[in-house]
Structure formats: structure tokens, C-alpha cells
Amino acid sequence: MEIVILGIVWISLAMMVGALAEHWNRSGLAWGLAALILTPILTLAYLLVAGNAHPRCPACLGHTFSGASTCRNCGQEITVPQTRPRETV
């Protein structure tokens, strides 16, 4: 059911972009189709670049908060791997 609501909202927003483009004397059909097609592509690109902000617990694989020292699901202590500084040449 959530996917249907999401689809209706997505199409409605694309139609609003088209209507606004028509109001500004642009091609409403072209802008509406561009919004319909480009929105999921840009969203996917953002999610791939942004990554997951919440790390997973190594014991139970539950989501934890960034900077947490223990897992809120199983109580396992979480150690953050040390990152090495970049070497400059």
C-alpha cells in the first residue's frame, strides 16, 4: 500500500512541475516527463553516494546509532575501526 501512495505522490509532483513549467511558458510535457524520469535516478545516485549513516552491530546485525559504544538490541560492545590518515606525497 505504501508503494501505491508513493507512486501517486511521485506522479502528482511531476505533474506540478509540468504545470509550473507551463506557467513560465516552457514545455509542460517535457518538464513533467523529465521530472518523472530523473527523480528516481537522482534519488538512487544520492543514496549510493551517501551510503548508510547507521552502522550495524557485528553480533546481531541490528542498526545502531553513529558513535554508539553498545548495541541497543543485544548489548554487544561496538568498536569503531581506526581509520588511517591519508598520506600526502
C-alpha atoms as a PDB file:
ATOM      1  CA  MET A   1       0.000   0.000   0.000  1.00  0.00           C
ATOM      2  CA  GLU A   2       2.893   2.346   0.763  1.00  0.00           C
ATOM      3  CA  ILE A   3       4.302   1.913  -2.743  1.00  0.00           C
ATOM      4  CA  VAL A   4       0.956   2.966  -4.255  1.00  0.00           C
ATOM      5  CA  ILE A   5       0.863   6.134  -2.151  1.00  0.00           C
ATOM      6  CA  LEU A   6       4.490   6.858  -3.037  1.00  0.00           C
ATOM      7  CA  GLY A   7       3.710   6.413  -6.738  1.00  0.00           C
ATOM      8  CA  ILE A   8       0.714   8.734  -6.549  1.00  0.00           C
ATOM      9  CA  VAL A   9       2.763  11.411  -4.781  1.00  0.00           C
ATOM     10  CA  TRP A  10       5.618  10.993  -7.276  1.00  0.00           C
ATOM     11  CA  ILE A  11       3.347  11.378 -10.306  1.00  0.00           C
ATOM     12  CA  SER A  12       1.497  14.296  -8.685  1.00  0.00           C
ATOM     13  CA  LEU A  13       4.737  16.158  -8.051  1.00  0.00           C
ATOM     14  CA  ALA A  14       5.857  15.552 -11.641  1.00  0.00           C
ATOM     15  CA  MET A  15       2.536  16.966 -12.839  1.00  0.00           C
ATOM     16  CA  MET A  16       3.064  20.024 -10.627  1.00  0.00           C
ATOM     17  CA  VAL A  17       6.479  20.552 -12.209  1.00  0.00           C
ATOM     18  CA  GLY A  18       4.839  20.382 -15.634  1.00  0.00           C
ATOM     19  CA  ALA A  19       2.119  22.857 -14.620  1.00  0.00           C
ATOM     20  CA  LEU A  20       4.693  25.259 -13.222  1.00  0.00           C
ATOM     21  CA  ALA A  21       6.726  24.974 -16.429  1.00  0.00           C
ATOM     22  CA  GLU A  22       3.600  25.781 -18.448  1.00  0.00           C
ATOM     23  CA  HIS A  23       3.016  28.821 -16.250  1.00  0.00           C
ATOM     24  CA  TRP A  24       6.560  30.008 -17.051  1.00  0.00           C
ATOM     25  CA  ASN A  25       5.975  29.499 -20.807  1.00  0.00           C
ATOM     26  CA  ARG A  26       8.046  26.328 -21.020  1.00  0.00           C
ATOM     27  CA  SER A  27       7.020  22.924 -22.329  1.00  0.00           C
ATOM     28  CA  GLY A  28       4.953  21.419 -19.528  1.00  0.00           C
ATOM     29  CA  LEU A  29       5.006  17.937 -21.048  1.00  0.00           C
ATOM     30  CA  ALA A  30       8.792  17.887 -21.439  1.00  0.00           C
ATOM     31  CA  TRP A  31       9.435  19.201 -17.929  1.00  0.00           C
ATOM     32  CA  GLY A  32       6.855  16.869 -16.410  1.00  0.00           C
ATOM     33  CA  LEU A  33       8.385  13.833 -18.129  1.00  0.00           C
ATOM     34  CA  ALA A  34      11.880  14.964 -17.139  1.00  0.00           C
ATOM     35  CA  ALA A  35      10.772  15.225 -13.510  1.00  0.00           C
ATOM     36  CA  LEU A  36       9.086  11.822 -13.725  1.00  0.00           C
ATOM     37  CA  ILE A  37      12.194  10.124 -15.147  1.00  0.00           C
ATOM     38  CA  LEU A  38      15.050  11.983 -13.455  1.00  0.00           C
ATOM     39  CA  THR A  39      13.716  11.988  -9.895  1.00  0.00           C
ATOM     40  CA  PRO A  40      14.266   8.256  -9.188  1.00  0.00           C
ATOM     41  CA  ILE A  41      17.639   8.304 -10.963  1.00  0.00           C
ATOM     42  CA  LEU A  42      18.880  11.246  -8.890  1.00  0.00           C
ATOM     43  CA  THR A  43      17.498   9.702  -5.700  1.00  0.00           C
ATOM     44  CA  LEU A  44      19.280   6.418  -6.404  1.00  0.00           C
ATOM     45  CA  ALA A  45      22.535   8.260  -7.134  1.00  0.00           C
ATOM     46  CA  TYR A  46      22.219  10.175  -3.868  1.00  0.00           C
ATOM     47  CA  LEU A  47      21.583   7.018  -1.848  1.00  0.00           C
ATOM     48  CA  LEU A  48      24.546   5.253  -3.448  1.00  0.00           C
ATOM     49  CA  VAL A  49      26.875   8.169  -2.704  1.00  0.00           C
ATOM     50  CA  ALA A  50      25.553   8.929   0.782  1.00  0.00           C
ATOM     51  CA  GLY A  51      25.772   5.342   1.973  1.00  0.00           C
ATOM     52  CA  ASN A  52      24.380   4.111   5.267  1.00  0.00           C
ATOM     53  CA  ALA A  53      24.702   6.588   8.119  1.00  0.00           C
ATOM     54  CA  HIS A  54      23.831   3.967  10.753  1.00  0.00           C
ATOM     55  CA  PRO A  55      26.427   1.235  11.237  1.00  0.00           C
ATOM     56  CA  ARG A  56      25.397  -2.344  12.015  1.00  0.00           C
ATOM     57  CA  CYS A  57      26.230  -4.321  15.125  1.00  0.00           C
ATOM     58  CA  PRO A  58      28.755  -7.091  14.324  1.00  0.00           C
ATOM     59  CA  ALA A  59      26.965  -9.545  16.644  1.00  0.00           C
ATOM     60  CA  CYS A  60      23.256  -9.217  15.781  1.00  0.00           C
ATOM     61  CA  LEU A  61      23.498  -7.086  12.597  1.00  0.00           C
ATOM     62  CA  GLY A  62      20.976  -4.631  14.057  1.00  0.00           C
ATOM     63  CA  HIS A  63      21.176  -0.939  13.179  1.00  0.00           C
ATOM     64  CA  THR A  64      22.911   1.222  15.758  1.00  0.00           C
ATOM     65  CA  PHE A  65      23.374   4.940  16.179  1.00  0.00           C
ATOM     66  CA  SER A  66      26.569   6.577  14.960  1.00  0.00           C
ATOM     67  CA  GLY A  67      29.066   6.840  17.791  1.00  0.00           C
ATOM     68  CA  ALA A  68      27.281   4.286  19.993  1.00  0.00           C
ATOM     69  CA  SER A  69      29.518   2.208  22.244  1.00  0.00           C
ATOM     70  CA  THR A  70      26.999  -0.623  22.770  1.00  0.00           C
ATOM     71  CA  CYS A  71      24.278  -2.118  20.593  1.00  0.00           C
ATOM     72  CA  ARG A  72      20.768  -1.108  21.637  1.00  0.00           C
ATOM     73  CA  ASN A  73      19.412  -4.501  20.513  1.00  0.00           C
ATOM     74  CA  CYS A  74      21.781  -7.054  22.039  1.00  0.00           C
ATOM     75  CA  GLY A  75      24.059  -5.026  24.331  1.00  0.00           C
ATOM     76  CA  GLN A  76      27.240  -6.073  22.489  1.00  0.00           C
ATOM     77  CA  GLU A  77      30.125  -3.609  22.759  1.00  0.00           C
ATOM     78  CA  ILE A  78      30.816  -1.911  19.437  1.00  0.00           C
ATOM     79  CA  THR A  79      34.322  -0.956  18.446  1.00  0.00           C
ATOM     80  CA  VAL A  80      34.847   1.554  15.682  1.00  0.00           C
ATOM     81  CA  PRO A  81      37.677   0.611  13.315  1.00  0.00           C
ATOM     82  CA  GLN A  82      40.518   3.093  13.308  1.00  0.00           C
ATOM     83  CA  THR A  83      40.996   4.930  10.050  1.00  0.00           C
ATOM     84  CA  ARG A  84      44.478   5.736   8.895  1.00  0.00           C
ATOM     85  CA  PRO A  85      45.175   9.306   7.848  1.00  0.00           C
ATOM     86  CA  ARG A  86      45.870   9.839   4.171  1.00  0.00           C
ATOM     87  CA  GLU A  87      49.482  10.145   3.217  1.00  0.00           C
ATOM     88  CA  THR A  88      50.401  13.154   1.164  1.00  0.00           C
ATOM     89  CA  VAL A  89      53.127  12.960  -1.398  1.00  0.00           C
END
